[in-house]
Amino acid sequence: MEIKDVKRLARFDPEKMVKIPVFDSTHMLYDLYALLPGQSQKVHAHPGSDKVYFVLEGEVVVRIGEEEALLAPGMATLARAGEAHGVQNVSASPALLLVVMAPRP
């Protein structure tokens, strides 16, 4: 059995968003994203994979397709396969997100 203390894995880089692998299997990716204020993940798409963003700490703006929404702790959103998506920390506090992508690209 694999058990991880997700918040203890968190690390921040003043230069860019940090993507931290939590679990990695042949079927999915399960990552922790750590964003300092002002940091972002550029908008991109995965043709054959869905992605879920779940906010643990902080507030972020998530863009999926042409829509944007502010997500707070406990909120999640889904970017379906092929939809352009990205995330940005527009708050004054660090943000942590759990991100699941399946199937693995």
C-alpha atoms as a PDB file:
ATOM      1  CA  MET A   1       0.000   0.000   0.000  1.00  0.00           C
ATOM      2  CA  GLU A   2       1.300   3.452  -0.923  1.00  0.00           C
ATOM      3  CA  ILE A   3       0.436   6.280   1.454  1.00  0.00           C
ATOM      4  CA  LYS A   4       1.542   9.884   0.978  1.00  0.00           C
ATOM      5  CA  ASP A   5       1.201  12.932   3.216  1.00  0.00           C
ATOM      6  CA  VAL A   6       0.348  15.263   0.364  1.00  0.00           C
ATOM      7  CA  LYS A   7       0.844  18.578   2.170  1.00  0.00           C
ATOM      8  CA  ARG A   8       4.315  17.499   3.327  1.00  0.00           C
ATOM      9  CA  LEU A   9       5.292  17.006  -0.329  1.00  0.00           C
ATOM     10  CA  ALA A  10       4.565  20.665  -1.109  1.00  0.00           C
ATOM     11  CA  ARG A  11       7.445  22.867  -2.175  1.00  0.00           C
ATOM     12  CA  PHE A  12       7.404  26.233  -3.858  1.00  0.00           C
ATOM     13  CA  ASP A  13       9.796  27.812  -6.352  1.00  0.00           C
ATOM     14  CA  PRO A  14       9.888  31.599  -6.730  1.00  0.00           C
ATOM     15  CA  GLU A  15      10.624  31.167 -10.451  1.00  0.00           C
ATOM     16  CA  LYS A  16       7.686  28.979 -11.546  1.00  0.00           C
ATOM     17  CA  MET A  17       4.795  26.730 -10.562  1.00  0.00           C
ATOM     18  CA  VAL A  18       5.956  23.376  -9.167  1.00  0.00           C
ATOM     19  CA  LYS A  19       4.324  20.131 -10.309  1.00  0.00           C
ATOM     20  CA  ILE A  20       4.984  17.401  -7.728  1.00  0.00           C
ATOM     21  CA  PRO A  21       4.195  13.766  -8.597  1.00  0.00           C
ATOM     22  CA  VAL A  22       2.186  12.062  -5.843  1.00  0.00           C
ATOM     23  CA  PHE A  23       1.166   8.832  -7.556  1.00  0.00           C
ATOM     24  CA  ASP A  24       2.116   7.751 -11.069  1.00  0.00           C
ATOM     25  CA  SER A  25       0.639   4.685 -12.720  1.00  0.00           C
ATOM     26  CA  THR A  26       0.182   3.394 -16.238  1.00  0.00           C
ATOM     27  CA  HIS A  27      -3.450   4.586 -16.092  1.00  0.00           C
ATOM     28  CA  MET A  28      -3.351   8.025 -14.451  1.00  0.00           C
ATOM     29  CA  LEU A  29      -1.287  10.876 -13.045  1.00  0.00           C
ATOM     30  CA  TYR A  30      -1.969  12.268  -9.558  1.00  0.00           C
ATOM     31  CA  ASP A  31       0.011  15.445  -8.922  1.00  0.00           C
ATOM     32  CA  LEU A  32       0.255  18.315  -6.478  1.00  0.00           C
ATOM     33  CA  TYR A  33       0.590  21.776  -8.030  1.00  0.00           C
ATOM     34  CA  ALA A  34       2.206  24.479  -5.875  1.00  0.00           C
ATOM     35  CA  LEU A  35       1.757  28.062  -7.053  1.00  0.00           C
ATOM     36  CA  LEU A  36       3.017  31.214  -5.419  1.00  0.00           C
ATOM     37  CA  PRO A  37       1.058  34.440  -5.985  1.00  0.00           C
ATOM     38  CA  GLY A  38       1.139  35.413  -9.659  1.00  0.00           C
ATOM     39  CA  GLN A  39       2.297  32.007 -10.923  1.00  0.00           C
ATOM     40  CA  SER A  40       0.358  30.095 -13.554  1.00  0.00           C
ATOM     41  CA  GLN A  41       0.172  27.033 -15.743  1.00  0.00           C
ATOM     42  CA  LYS A  42      -0.103  28.028 -19.392  1.00  0.00           C
ATOM     43  CA  VAL A  43      -3.293  27.125 -21.211  1.00  0.00           C
ATOM     44  CA  HIS A  44      -2.911  23.805 -23.019  1.00  0.00           C
ATOM     45  CA  ALA A  45      -4.943  20.691 -23.922  1.00  0.00           C
ATOM     46  CA  HIS A  46      -4.645  16.894 -23.754  1.00  0.00           C
ATOM     47  CA  PRO A  47      -6.465  15.246 -26.664  1.00  0.00           C
ATOM     48  CA  GLY A  48      -7.148  11.922 -24.937  1.00  0.00           C
ATOM     49  CA  SER A  49      -7.130  12.702 -21.207  1.00  0.00           C
ATOM     50  CA  ASP A  50      -9.459  14.352 -18.704  1.00  0.00           C
ATOM     51  CA  LYS A  51      -7.997  16.525 -15.928  1.00  0.00           C
ATOM     52  CA  VAL A  52      -9.484  17.415 -12.526  1.00  0.00           C
ATOM     53  CA  TYR A  53      -8.226  20.381 -10.489  1.00  0.00           C
ATOM     54  CA  PHE A  54      -9.059  20.240  -6.747  1.00  0.00           C
ATOM     55  CA  VAL A  55      -8.036  23.179  -4.547  1.00  0.00           C
ATOM     56  CA  LEU A  56      -6.519  22.293  -1.173  1.00  0.00           C
ATOM     57  CA  GLU A  57      -5.263  25.741  -0.167  1.00  0.00           C
ATOM     58  CA  GLY A  58      -5.483  29.254  -1.562  1.00  0.00           C
ATOM     59  CA  GLU A  59      -7.576  30.569  -4.415  1.00  0.00           C
ATOM     60  CA  VAL A  60      -6.936  30.165  -8.129  1.00  0.00           C
ATOM     61  CA  VAL A  61      -8.566  31.124 -11.385  1.00  0.00           C
ATOM     62  CA  VAL A  62      -9.065  28.120 -13.648  1.00  0.00           C
ATOM     63  CA  ARG A  63      -9.659  28.551 -17.357  1.00  0.00           C
ATOM     64  CA  ILE A  64     -11.394  25.778 -19.296  1.00  0.00           C
ATOM     65  CA  GLY A  65     -12.259  26.546 -22.893  1.00  0.00           C
ATOM     66  CA  GLU A  66     -13.540  30.140 -22.967  1.00  0.00           C
ATOM     67  CA  GLU A  67     -14.698  30.117 -19.320  1.00  0.00           C
ATOM     68  CA  GLU A  68     -12.877  31.219 -16.177  1.00  0.00           C
ATOM     69  CA  ALA A  69     -13.852  30.632 -12.552  1.00  0.00           C
ATOM     70  CA  LEU A  70     -12.390  31.436  -9.149  1.00  0.00           C
ATOM     71  CA  LEU A  71     -11.922  28.265  -7.102  1.00  0.00           C
ATOM     72  CA  ALA A  72     -11.434  28.216  -3.317  1.00  0.00           C
ATOM     73  CA  PRO A  73     -10.448  25.332  -0.995  1.00  0.00           C
ATOM     74  CA  GLY A  74     -12.725  22.332  -1.389  1.00  0.00           C
ATOM     75  CA  MET A  75     -13.764  23.249  -4.936  1.00  0.00           C
ATOM     76  CA  ALA A  76     -12.947  21.168  -8.025  1.00  0.00           C
ATOM     77  CA  THR A  77     -13.427  21.426 -11.775  1.00  0.00           C
ATOM     78  CA  LEU A  78     -13.073  19.115 -14.766  1.00  0.00           C
ATOM     79  CA  ALA A  79     -11.308  19.803 -18.061  1.00  0.00           C
ATOM     80  CA  ARG A  80     -12.524  17.149 -20.470  1.00  0.00           C
ATOM     81  CA  ALA A  81     -10.204  15.629 -23.067  1.00  0.00           C
ATOM     82  CA  GLY A  82      -9.361  18.150 -25.764  1.00  0.00           C
ATOM     83  CA  GLU A  83     -10.523  21.233 -23.814  1.00  0.00           C
ATOM     84  CA  ALA A  84      -7.907  23.949 -23.403  1.00  0.00           C
ATOM     85  CA  HIS A  85      -7.226  24.545 -19.704  1.00  0.00           C
ATOM     86  CA  GLY A  86      -4.855  26.287 -17.306  1.00  0.00           C
ATOM     87  CA  VAL A  87      -4.667  27.701 -13.797  1.00  0.00           C
ATOM     88  CA  GLN A  88      -3.373  30.931 -12.238  1.00  0.00           C
ATOM     89  CA  ASN A  89      -2.856  32.035  -8.652  1.00  0.00           C
ATOM     90  CA  VAL A  90      -4.256  35.576  -8.601  1.00  0.00           C
ATOM     91  CA  SER A  91      -4.361  35.787  -4.794  1.00  0.00           C
ATOM     92  CA  ALA A  92      -1.792  37.091  -2.308  1.00  0.00           C
ATOM     93  CA  SER A  93      -1.305  33.615  -0.750  1.00  0.00           C
ATOM     94  CA  PRO A  94       0.322  30.377  -1.960  1.00  0.00           C
ATOM     95  CA  ALA A  95      -2.019  27.812  -3.531  1.00  0.00           C
ATOM     96  CA  LEU A  96      -1.972  23.995  -3.514  1.00  0.00           C
ATOM     97  CA  LEU A  97      -4.023  21.881  -5.901  1.00  0.00           C
ATOM     98  CA  LEU A  98      -4.445  18.151  -6.352  1.00  0.00           C
ATOM     99  CA  VAL A  99      -4.548  17.357 -10.050  1.00  0.00           C
ATOM    100  CA  VAL A 100      -5.652  14.029 -11.518  1.00  0.00           C
ATOM    101  CA  MET A 101      -5.285  13.179 -15.195  1.00  0.00           C
ATOM    102  CA  ALA A 102      -6.662  10.009 -16.774  1.00  0.00           C
ATOM    103  CA  PRO A 103      -6.007   8.140 -18.842  1.00  0.00           C
ATOM    104  CA  ARG A 104      -2.316   8.905 -18.607  1.00  0.00           C
ATOM    105  CA  PRO A 105      -1.165  10.761 -21.727  1.00  0.00           C
END
